[in-house]
Amino acid sequence: MPSTVGRTLAKGLGIDVDARYRNEPTEAVQSAAASFRSVEQYEEEEPTVAEFLYAHRPTVHGAVAYIKSLFPFWSWIFHYNATWLLGDVIAGMYLSFVGHRTPQRTWWLTRSHTGVTVGFVVIPQGMAYAILAQLTPEYGLYTSFVGFLLYWAFATSKDITIGTVAVMSQLVGNIILRVQDSHPQYGGPQIAQALAVIAGAVLLFIGLVRLGWVVEFIPLVAITSFMTGAAVSIAAGQVPALLGLQGVVTRNATYRVIIDSLKALPTARLDAAMGLTALFLLYAIRAFCNFMSNRQPQRKKFWFFMSTLRMAFVILLYVLISWLVNRHVNWNAKKAKFKILGKVPSGFQHTGAPKIDTELLSAIAPDLPVTIIVLIIEHIAISKSFGRVNNYVINPSQELVAVGFTNLFGPFLGAYPATGSFSRTAIKSKAGVRTPLAGIFTAVIVLLALYALTSVFFYIPMATLAGLIIHAVGDLITPPKVVYQFWEVSPLEVFIFFAGVLLSIFTNIENGIYLTMCASAALLLVRLAKAKGHFLGRVKVYRATKDTAGKGVPFNEHGESVDMPSREAYMPLAKDDGSNPHIDVETPYPGVFVYRFGEGFNYTNQAHYMDRLVEYIQKNARRTVLDRYEKLGDRPWNDPGPRRGAKIDMDDRRPIVRAVILDCSAVNNMDVTSIQGLIDVRNQLDHYAEPEVVEWHFANVNNRWTRRALAAAGFGFPSVKDEGSLGRWKPIYSFAPVDSASDHAPQVAAQRSRDEEDAIAPTKGGGGGGGAQMAGRGDGKLAAVQGMNRPFFHIDVAAAVESAILNAESKGEGQGFHTASLPRDGVARFRRPRDSTGRRPRRSATDSSDAPVTDRDGRPGRHHAAQRYDAAVARKQTPDPHHGTPVLELPGRQDVPRVRVRDAEAAGQRVDGAGVHEQGRAVLRAVAARRVRHLRGQQGGRVRGEAVPRGAVHGVCQRGRVPGGAEAGGGLLHEHQHPVRRRTRGAQAV
């Protein structure tokens, strides 16, 4: 309820905050709930905005926890020990242990070589990727050094390494070339550093405000498509350098680069020998190590790390070859026989604050989104993958803080945009790295290279670096078996995958990532907007284990279990969910519709859901009043009725709409649009069913705010518009034992009677007098599972269906029809058909016309119902082992449904399959206690009932006289107790 301040403000604005509460049947609900005296009452309180704000208020404890979460190393740094140190530190003795292998040395091989292994991989990759980014090689070393140095303090992953990567480098190179075309005054390093600072600031902000969950909007198919397209583009762009081709513009689209490279093959130089042999050697070493790993499983890790060192080995080998060939050039790279790397400055020669101005910002702004997306994609995808492999969970928001901080402050030391590297992360993971602190030891290796090995880098052949890049990005191409797995899981996403790859090849990799993300988002929205719900039916299922089934066939010849537990389940009536199509799924009750949402229920799909709901209900249920318009001009334009001169179909066998049950197990939140859609459909169905009012039941609504939204719209309780039915309303509540250990559980108000049956007794009406009592098992206390003030919110579908059926039957009892116990297949509610004016004419005592008689719910009347009943009996009845009389096996139910019969004495008409009414004599068949008995009527209005056991229906007398032991009071036949504790009501006199 609104607070005093809220009420005052609402009054000033002309808002009536109590309007919806006046439309609730509060007295009827409270009276029904009070009938259950022996159980604990529970009324659900609606959530409020103040409660939400209070739950999310900032606290000192929360602030301290937030600050600690920014520096995860505090949780493990004080536990650092020598074992962890040996796993992280650089082991310079690695190569000396290769020749002789002992158990102790094997431990060193698998633990203490992590830093040197990664270092040997980082140095050649860093320089090669810097060239890919249109920068000089030292910038790659700067970037790798900063990534290893800064990441560990903010990391939640022990495996991942931040540094230069092929895809990001290619993207940076494209951006540099694009900006320099329009702004030639800016150098490549300045553009790259400005890009890193801005992207890092954005990522740092996203991480600090803990919005890391936004990375989940990037689907896997977009990542794999982007990686594949980028790998193809990078490899194609390195072919000219690999072969020493002249005149190939690598800035063009990938397909143009491939065509131009083929045309320029005659211009290949000696570089091709250095590049192709290096590329072949890289693949040969890896293949040999994999072969030996399979041949020697006990030395699998040894061969793995030998394979990881292949890049460093090839670079050193070709540096030696290049020095032997070009040692006479006297540090002049232009005089070399083939293109070499040239001079690399020693140390940090490009430190300082990045120079950024507004013009440069406007120039790089269009490329910021793709830069941020690539930084996120590579880092988060890799860190999550290795977290799952090594059994730990990363914090995406904190990882974005780490990447953002590294890229924001890295440019002060000359770095360009950096993110997680898959190859180096895999090496660290296989090496058994223990903590993120291992990055510092790798940074030391890079630092030594910057100061001690730059003279060696002078002789590195450019073709060899190109081969190294092609070899590295080759692993980024998605293999065919993975694409086939995508096809098996989601064929539509395979088309998105290939569309992204092709667009990357024919335009650029930026367009490829944009296309895959937009297409994936569009597919998601289409799936949400066109979500498919299901109308459910009831089926009885039996549970069996291998042991019980192996004892023999546990079913009799009629398909009923002898000793197996069973329960009612709800399955789609359309049988389009892949379940066995031969299973007999029946509707829960005529006029009761159960609908299950397939996805969430929100503004994107509410129209689709509601249109399908209304269409199905109007197709399978008729109007309560077939023709309510006396004049043609009274009809609305959208309900023109039959053509002039045509007769209204008075033999409509469909039921009227009684209740709609919505299974919200797939729904969490409902927005304003979806609630308005429910209100509109409720009004539409009430108009379709008037003068009846359709009940709306909800199952599995597990969100308090969703229940509040529904209650605010008038759902969750009986409608006050149907005052007659409200007086006969019979609520059903679900109770469960109360946790005895709960200190705050209220005491039971009244002493329970422990010899009562463990069941729920429905009340006689909304304001019934005598209360129902319940008894729990043992000393446990029972309480309502859900709020008793919202009786139409149910714990599951079964409870909702039971409640809807009970109230549908109670509405029928109030219409003044006769009752007799018949199986559901033989139900016939006989009524005189309406004429063309919509009125129902009275039948005279001498009327013997053969006009068809329809039932109230539109099912077959007279001979149609009789044929259905006879067919059901012939199909289902079996001999009773005790009395030899026919037994009707009711599918899924042992209780007897109630049937109201009117005009049962129509001379010459068949009442049902049990007999024919001729000259005033009626033969009715009744089923009770799973036994068939006959009732014979005589013309004088006196119906003599045969001797019947408990549960059978006694006779009906027109004059209020009922022989055969039944009591009559004003024509009302009283009822007897059914053997299964169900009530079988008698018939009211005509």
Foldseek 3Di string as FASTA:
>chain_A
DDDPVVVVVCVVVVHDPCVLVVQFPQQLLVLQQVLAAFFAAFFDDFDDPVNVCVVVPDDPVNVVVLVCLQFVCVVPVVVDDPVLCQQQFADPCQVVCPPPDDVVSVLSNLGNHLQVLLLLVQQLLLQLLCVLLVHHSVQSLLQQLLQLVQQQRLFPFQQWTKGGDNLLSNLNNLLLVQLCVVVVVDDSLLLQLVLLQVLLVVLQVCLSVQVLCVLVLQDPLLLLLLLQLSLLLLLLLLVCLLQVFPDQDSSAFQVSSNVVCVVRNVRGAPSNVLQVVLLVQLVVLLVVLVVVCVVCVVCNLVSVSSNSSSLSVSQVVQLVVLCVQCVPVVQDQVPGRAHASGFDAADQPQAADRDDDPVSCVSCVVVNVVSNSVQLSVAVVLRQVVCVVVVHDTRSSSLSSSQSVSSNPSCNSSHGRMHTDNSSSVSSVSSPNDGSNSSNNSSVSSNCCRHPVRVSRRRRGSSSSSSVSSSRSVVSNDDPVVLVVCCVVPVVSSVLSVVLSVCCNNGNSSVSSVSSSVVVVVVVLVCVQQFDKAKKFKAKDWDDDPVRPVVDNQADPQGDGDDTDIDIDIDGPVPPPPPDPPGDGHHLDAQEIEMETRAAQELSHLVVVLVVVVVVSPVQAAFLQQDQDQDQVVDDPVPNDDDPPDFGPLLQQHFQHAEYEYECQNYADYDPNNLVSVLVSQVVSVVRHPVDHYAYFYENHDYSNRVVSNSSSPHQRDGVSCVVLQFQQWFDFDKDFDDPPDPPDDDGPDDADAVDDADDDIARHSNGDNRDYHHDPDPTGMYTPHRSSRRRYYHHDVNNSVSSVVSVVSVVVVPPFWKFWAAPQLAFAWAATAGRSSDRDDDDPPDQDPDATHHSGSRGAFENSQVSRVVQQVVAWDADPPPRATFRDHRPDQATDMHGYDPQQRAQTHHHVPDTRHQQWGWDWGAANRGIDIWIDDNVQATAADDDDAGHEADWGQVQDGPDPFHGDQQATAWGAGPVRDTDGYTGHD
